[in-house]
């Protein structure tokens, strides 16, 4: 499935993450997209994004989120999402995280939206 609105892209991300579907997650990013997989670290391109997300999926995370478009002009949108994650920590114990993302999305020629820049930890990181 493809995102027909900017907010739907975050919903598809959460669904793919909850399903542990790495291929579906990577397909939500433009080929040269940028992702901040951890505060202070930015990776670029689908290969690097795949590697970062594969490591993250090992913790078997589940996500809940609420997305909101902050601004849109033409084929570019600025979106934020309030998110909550539950996962297994490196010590094997339950762990959780919360945050508010900042994302730049771009509408593709077919009308679907993809991440161009995804900073899940927002600008405070």
N, C-alpha and C. Protein backbone atom coordinates (compact mmCIF):
# COMPACT_ATOMS: atom_id res chain seq x y z
N UNK A 1 0.84 -1.18 0.00
CA UNK A 1 0.00 0.00 0.00
C UNK A 1 0.89 1.24 0.00
N UNK A 2 0.41 2.30 -0.62
CA UNK A 2 1.18 3.53 -0.65
C UNK A 2 0.40 4.64 0.03
N UNK A 3 1.13 5.61 0.56
CA UNK A 3 0.53 6.73 1.27
C UNK A 3 -0.06 7.72 0.27
N UNK A 4 -1.33 8.00 0.39
CA UNK A 4 -1.98 8.97 -0.48
C UNK A 4 -2.05 10.34 0.17
N UNK A 5 -1.77 10.43 1.48
CA UNK A 5 -1.69 11.70 2.20
C UNK A 5 -0.41 11.70 3.03
N UNK A 6 0.10 12.86 3.39
CA UNK A 6 1.32 12.87 4.21
C UNK A 6 1.17 12.11 5.53
N UNK A 7 0.06 12.30 6.24
CA UNK A 7 -0.11 11.61 7.53
C UNK A 7 -0.15 10.09 7.38
N UNK A 8 -0.67 9.63 6.25
CA UNK A 8 -0.78 8.19 6.04
C UNK A 8 0.59 7.52 5.97
N UNK A 9 1.61 8.26 5.59
CA UNK A 9 2.95 7.68 5.52
C UNK A 9 3.41 7.23 6.90
N UNK A 10 3.16 8.04 7.92
CA UNK A 10 3.53 7.64 9.29
C UNK A 10 2.73 6.42 9.73
N UNK A 11 1.47 6.37 9.37
CA UNK A 11 0.64 5.22 9.72
C UNK A 11 1.19 3.95 9.08
N UNK A 12 1.58 4.04 7.81
CA UNK A 12 2.17 2.89 7.13
C UNK A 12 3.50 2.48 7.77
N UNK A 13 4.27 3.47 8.22
CA UNK A 13 5.53 3.17 8.90
C UNK A 13 5.25 2.35 10.16
N UNK A 14 4.31 2.81 10.98
CA UNK A 14 3.98 2.10 12.23
C UNK A 14 3.49 0.69 11.93
N UNK A 15 2.65 0.52 10.91
CA UNK A 15 2.14 -0.80 10.56
C UNK A 15 3.27 -1.73 10.13
N UNK A 16 4.18 -1.25 9.31
CA UNK A 16 5.30 -2.08 8.85
C UNK A 16 6.24 -2.41 10.01
N UNK A 17 6.49 -1.44 10.88
CA UNK A 17 7.35 -1.67 12.03
C UNK A 17 6.73 -2.72 12.94
N UNK A 18 5.45 -2.58 13.23
CA UNK A 18 4.77 -3.53 14.10
C UNK A 18 4.74 -4.93 13.51
N UNK A 19 4.72 -5.03 12.19
CA UNK A 19 4.74 -6.33 11.51
C UNK A 19 6.15 -6.88 11.35
N UNK A 20 7.17 -6.06 11.66
CA UNK A 20 8.56 -6.49 11.47
C UNK A 20 8.94 -6.62 10.02
N UNK A 21 8.30 -5.84 9.15
CA UNK A 21 8.48 -5.94 7.69
C UNK A 21 9.52 -4.92 7.20
N UNK A 22 10.77 -5.35 7.15
CA UNK A 22 11.86 -4.46 6.77
C UNK A 22 11.70 -3.94 5.35
N UNK A 23 11.32 -4.78 4.42
CA UNK A 23 11.17 -4.35 3.03
C UNK A 23 10.10 -3.26 2.91
N UNK A 24 8.99 -3.41 3.63
CA UNK A 24 7.94 -2.40 3.59
C UNK A 24 8.41 -1.09 4.20
N UNK A 25 9.21 -1.16 5.27
CA UNK A 25 9.75 0.06 5.88
C UNK A 25 10.64 0.82 4.91
N UNK A 26 11.58 0.12 4.30
CA UNK A 26 12.55 0.76 3.39
C UNK A 26 11.83 1.34 2.18
N UNK A 27 10.75 0.70 1.74
CA UNK A 27 10.00 1.18 0.58
C UNK A 27 9.31 2.52 0.85
N UNK A 28 9.26 2.96 2.09
CA UNK A 28 8.63 4.24 2.44
C UNK A 28 9.59 5.42 2.29
N UNK A 29 10.83 5.16 1.90
CA UNK A 29 11.86 6.19 1.77
C UNK A 29 12.27 6.39 0.32
N UNK A 30 12.55 7.63 -0.03
CA UNK A 30 13.14 7.92 -1.34
C UNK A 30 14.52 7.28 -1.42
N UNK A 31 15.03 7.00 -2.63
CA UNK A 31 16.34 6.36 -2.76
C UNK A 31 17.47 7.10 -2.05
N UNK A 32 17.45 8.44 -2.02
CA UNK A 32 18.51 9.21 -1.39
C UNK A 32 18.08 9.85 -0.07
N UNK A 33 17.07 9.28 0.58
CA UNK A 33 16.52 9.86 1.82
C UNK A 33 17.56 9.85 2.94
N UNK A 34 17.29 10.69 3.94
CA UNK A 34 18.12 10.75 5.15
C UNK A 34 17.27 10.32 6.34
N UNK A 35 17.87 9.52 7.23
CA UNK A 35 17.21 9.04 8.43
C UNK A 35 18.15 9.22 9.62
N UNK A 36 17.62 9.69 10.74
CA UNK A 36 18.37 9.75 11.98
C UNK A 36 17.96 8.54 12.82
N UNK A 37 18.71 7.42 12.75
CA UNK A 37 18.32 6.22 13.48
C UNK A 37 18.55 6.31 14.98
N UNK A 38 19.43 7.20 15.39
CA UNK A 38 19.66 7.47 16.80
C UNK A 38 20.11 8.93 16.91
N UNK A 39 19.87 9.55 18.06
CA UNK A 39 20.24 10.97 18.18
C UNK A 39 21.71 11.22 17.80
N UNK A 40 21.91 12.18 16.93
CA UNK A 40 23.25 12.57 16.52
C UNK A 40 23.82 11.78 15.35
N UNK A 41 23.11 10.76 14.87
CA UNK A 41 23.58 9.94 13.76
C UNK A 41 22.60 10.05 12.60
N UNK A 42 23.09 10.38 11.42
CA UNK A 42 22.25 10.46 10.23
C UNK A 42 22.83 9.53 9.17
N UNK A 43 21.96 8.70 8.58
CA UNK A 43 22.37 7.83 7.48
C UNK A 43 21.62 8.27 6.24
N UNK A 44 22.22 8.04 5.07
CA UNK A 44 21.62 8.48 3.81
C UNK A 44 21.57 7.33 2.82
N UNK A 45 20.45 7.25 2.11
CA UNK A 45 20.28 6.23 1.08
C UNK A 45 19.58 5.00 1.63
N UNK A 46 18.85 4.32 0.74
CA UNK A 46 18.06 3.17 1.18
C UNK A 46 18.91 2.03 1.75
N UNK A 47 20.11 1.81 1.25
CA UNK A 47 20.94 0.73 1.78
C UNK A 47 21.30 1.00 3.25
N UNK A 48 21.70 2.22 3.55
CA UNK A 48 22.05 2.57 4.93
C UNK A 48 20.81 2.59 5.82
N UNK A 49 19.68 3.03 5.27
CA UNK A 49 18.43 3.03 6.02
C UNK A 49 18.02 1.59 6.33
N UNK A 50 18.15 0.71 5.35
CA UNK A 50 17.83 -0.71 5.56
C UNK A 50 18.67 -1.28 6.71
N UNK A 51 19.95 -1.01 6.70
CA UNK A 51 20.84 -1.52 7.74
C UNK A 51 20.44 -0.98 9.12
N UNK A 52 20.16 0.32 9.20
CA UNK A 52 19.78 0.93 10.47
C UNK A 52 18.46 0.36 10.99
N UNK A 53 17.48 0.21 10.11
CA UNK A 53 16.18 -0.29 10.54
C UNK A 53 16.22 -1.78 10.87
N UNK A 54 17.07 -2.55 10.19
CA UNK A 54 17.21 -3.98 10.48
C UNK A 54 17.69 -4.17 11.92
N UNK A 55 18.66 -3.38 12.33
CA UNK A 55 19.15 -3.45 13.70
C UNK A 55 18.07 -3.10 14.71
N UNK A 56 17.26 -2.12 14.36
CA UNK A 56 16.19 -1.67 15.23
C UNK A 56 15.09 -2.74 15.35
N UNK A 57 14.78 -3.41 14.26
CA UNK A 57 13.74 -4.44 14.28
C UNK A 57 14.10 -5.63 15.16
N UNK A 58 15.39 -5.82 15.41
CA UNK A 58 15.82 -6.92 16.28
C UNK A 58 15.24 -6.79 17.69
N UNK A 59 14.89 -5.57 18.11
CA UNK A 59 14.31 -5.33 19.44
C UNK A 59 12.81 -5.62 19.46
N UNK A 60 12.25 -6.06 18.34
CA UNK A 60 10.82 -6.37 18.21
C UNK A 60 9.93 -5.25 18.73
N UNK A 61 10.09 -4.05 18.17
CA UNK A 61 9.32 -2.91 18.66
C UNK A 61 7.86 -2.93 18.20
N UNK A 62 7.03 -2.30 19.00
CA UNK A 62 5.65 -2.00 18.60
C UNK A 62 5.46 -0.50 18.79
N UNK A 63 4.77 0.12 17.86
CA UNK A 63 4.65 1.57 17.84
C UNK A 63 3.20 2.01 17.77
N UNK A 64 2.93 3.09 18.49
CA UNK A 64 1.66 3.82 18.36
C UNK A 64 2.06 5.25 18.04
N UNK A 65 1.30 5.91 17.15
CA UNK A 65 1.64 7.29 16.83
C UNK A 65 0.42 8.07 16.38
N UNK A 66 0.58 9.38 16.45
CA UNK A 66 -0.41 10.31 15.91
C UNK A 66 0.36 11.30 15.05
N UNK A 67 0.03 11.36 13.76
CA UNK A 67 0.74 12.22 12.81
C UNK A 67 -0.08 13.47 12.51
N UNK A 68 0.65 14.53 12.16
CA UNK A 68 0.01 15.81 11.84
C UNK A 68 0.86 16.53 10.79
N UNK A 69 0.21 17.01 9.74
CA UNK A 69 0.92 17.82 8.75
C UNK A 69 1.01 19.24 9.27
N UNK A 70 2.23 19.76 9.35
CA UNK A 70 2.45 21.13 9.82
C UNK A 70 2.33 22.13 8.69
N UNK A 71 2.82 21.75 7.52
CA UNK A 71 2.77 22.64 6.36
C UNK A 71 2.94 21.80 5.10
N UNK A 72 2.33 22.27 4.04
CA UNK A 72 2.48 21.61 2.74
C UNK A 72 2.48 22.68 1.66
N UNK A 73 3.41 22.54 0.74
CA UNK A 73 3.42 23.38 -0.44
C UNK A 73 3.72 22.48 -1.63
N UNK A 74 2.79 22.42 -2.54
CA UNK A 74 2.97 21.56 -3.71
C UNK A 74 3.21 20.12 -3.32
N UNK A 75 4.34 19.59 -3.74
CA UNK A 75 4.67 18.19 -3.52
C UNK A 75 5.57 17.95 -2.32
N UNK A 76 5.69 18.93 -1.43
CA UNK A 76 6.53 18.80 -0.23
C UNK A 76 5.68 19.08 1.00
N UNK A 77 5.86 18.23 2.02
CA UNK A 77 5.11 18.42 3.28
C UNK A 77 6.06 18.28 4.46
N UNK A 78 5.80 19.07 5.49
CA UNK A 78 6.50 18.98 6.77
C UNK A 78 5.52 18.35 7.75
N UNK A 79 5.91 17.22 8.31
CA UNK A 79 5.02 16.43 9.17
C UNK A 79 5.70 16.18 10.50
N UNK A 80 4.90 16.04 11.54
CA UNK A 80 5.39 15.63 12.84
C UNK A 80 4.52 14.49 13.33
N UNK A 81 5.08 13.64 14.16
CA UNK A 81 4.32 12.54 14.75
C UNK A 81 4.73 12.39 16.21
N UNK A 82 3.76 12.32 17.07
CA UNK A 82 3.96 11.98 18.47
C UNK A 82 3.95 10.46 18.52
N UNK A 83 5.03 9.82 19.01
CA UNK A 83 5.10 8.36 18.97
C UNK A 83 5.49 7.75 20.30
N UNK A 84 5.08 6.49 20.46
CA UNK A 84 5.43 5.69 21.63
C UNK A 84 5.87 4.32 21.13
N UNK A 85 6.96 3.83 21.70
CA UNK A 85 7.49 2.52 21.32
C UNK A 85 7.62 1.64 22.55
N UNK A 86 7.29 0.39 22.39
CA UNK A 86 7.58 -0.63 23.39
C UNK A 86 8.47 -1.66 22.69
N UNK A 87 9.49 -2.15 23.39
CA UNK A 87 10.43 -3.08 22.76
C UNK A 87 11.15 -3.89 23.82
N UNK A 88 12.02 -4.77 23.37
CA UNK A 88 12.89 -5.53 24.25
C UNK A 88 14.24 -4.82 24.27
N UNK A 89 14.71 -4.45 25.45
CA UNK A 89 15.99 -3.77 25.58
C UNK A 89 17.15 -4.72 25.34
N UNK A 90 18.35 -4.18 25.24
CA UNK A 90 19.54 -5.00 25.00
C UNK A 90 19.78 -5.98 26.14
N UNK A 91 19.26 -5.67 27.33
CA UNK A 91 19.39 -6.56 28.47
C UNK A 91 18.30 -7.62 28.52
N UNK A 92 17.41 -7.63 27.50
CA UNK A 92 16.34 -8.61 27.44
C UNK A 92 15.08 -8.21 28.19
N UNK A 93 15.11 -7.06 28.84
CA UNK A 93 13.96 -6.59 29.61
C UNK A 93 13.12 -5.63 28.76
N UNK A 94 11.83 -5.51 29.10
CA UNK A 94 10.99 -4.55 28.38
C UNK A 94 11.53 -3.12 28.50
N UNK A 95 11.43 -2.38 27.41
CA UNK A 95 11.88 -0.99 27.39
C UNK A 95 10.85 -0.17 26.61
N UNK A 96 10.88 1.13 26.81
CA UNK A 96 9.96 1.99 26.06
C UNK A 96 10.66 3.30 25.72
N UNK A 97 10.13 3.95 24.71
CA UNK A 97 10.64 5.24 24.26
C UNK A 97 9.45 6.07 23.78
N UNK A 98 9.60 7.38 23.86
CA UNK A 98 8.61 8.29 23.30
C UNK A 98 9.36 9.40 22.58
N UNK A 99 8.69 10.06 21.67
CA UNK A 99 9.32 11.16 20.97
C UNK A 99 8.35 11.88 20.06
N UNK A 100 8.86 12.92 19.45
CA UNK A 100 8.10 13.66 18.45
C UNK A 100 9.01 13.89 17.26
N UNK A 101 8.62 13.31 16.15
CA UNK A 101 9.44 13.36 14.93
C UNK A 101 9.27 14.67 14.18
N UNK A 102 10.22 14.90 13.29
CA UNK A 102 10.15 15.95 12.28
C UNK A 102 10.51 15.27 10.96
N UNK A 103 9.63 15.40 9.96
CA UNK A 103 9.82 14.69 8.71
C UNK A 103 9.51 15.60 7.52
N UNK A 104 10.31 15.46 6.49
CA UNK A 104 10.03 16.11 5.22
C UNK A 104 9.63 15.00 4.25
N UNK A 105 8.43 15.14 3.69
CA UNK A 105 7.90 14.15 2.77
C UNK A 105 7.77 14.77 1.39
N UNK A 106 7.88 13.91 0.37
CA UNK A 106 7.74 14.41 -0.99
C UNK A 106 6.75 13.51 -1.74
N UNK A 107 5.81 14.16 -2.44
CA UNK A 107 4.87 13.41 -3.27
C UNK A 107 5.61 12.97 -4.53
N UNK A 108 5.46 11.70 -4.86
CA UNK A 108 6.13 11.10 -6.00
C UNK A 108 5.27 11.27 -7.26
N UNK A 109 5.83 11.06 -8.44
CA UNK A 109 5.07 11.22 -9.68
C UNK A 109 3.75 10.43 -9.72
N UNK A 110 3.70 9.26 -9.06
CA UNK A 110 2.48 8.47 -9.04
C UNK A 110 1.45 8.95 -8.03
N UNK A 111 1.80 9.97 -7.24
CA UNK A 111 0.88 10.54 -6.27
C UNK A 111 1.09 10.07 -4.84
N UNK A 112 1.93 9.04 -4.63
CA UNK A 112 2.19 8.57 -3.27
C UNK A 112 3.26 9.42 -2.60
N UNK A 113 3.29 9.39 -1.28
CA UNK A 113 4.25 10.17 -0.49
C UNK A 113 5.34 9.26 0.05
N UNK A 114 6.59 9.76 0.07
CA UNK A 114 7.73 9.05 0.64
C UNK A 114 8.52 10.00 1.55
N UNK A 115 9.25 9.40 2.49
CA UNK A 115 10.14 10.19 3.34
C UNK A 115 11.33 10.67 2.53
N UNK A 116 11.64 11.96 2.59
CA UNK A 116 12.89 12.50 2.07
C UNK A 116 13.86 12.68 3.23
N UNK A 117 13.35 13.16 4.38
CA UNK A 117 14.13 13.33 5.60
C UNK A 117 13.27 12.85 6.75
N UNK A 118 13.82 11.97 7.59
CA UNK A 118 13.08 11.41 8.73
C UNK A 118 13.94 11.54 9.98
N UNK A 119 13.54 12.45 10.85
CA UNK A 119 14.22 12.65 12.13
C UNK A 119 13.26 12.24 13.23
N UNK A 120 13.20 10.94 13.60
CA UNK A 120 12.24 10.49 14.58
C UNK A 120 12.42 11.11 15.97
N UNK A 121 13.62 11.59 16.27
CA UNK A 121 13.86 12.18 17.59
C UNK A 121 13.70 13.68 17.59
N UNK A 122 13.25 14.25 16.47
CA UNK A 122 12.98 15.68 16.38
C UNK A 122 14.24 16.52 16.36
N UNK A 123 14.05 17.79 16.61
CA UNK A 123 15.17 18.73 16.52
C UNK A 123 15.94 18.84 17.82
N UNK A 124 15.43 18.29 18.90
CA UNK A 124 16.13 18.37 20.19
C UNK A 124 17.31 17.42 20.26
N UNK A 125 17.44 16.52 19.28
CA UNK A 125 18.49 15.51 19.37
C UNK A 125 19.77 15.97 18.81
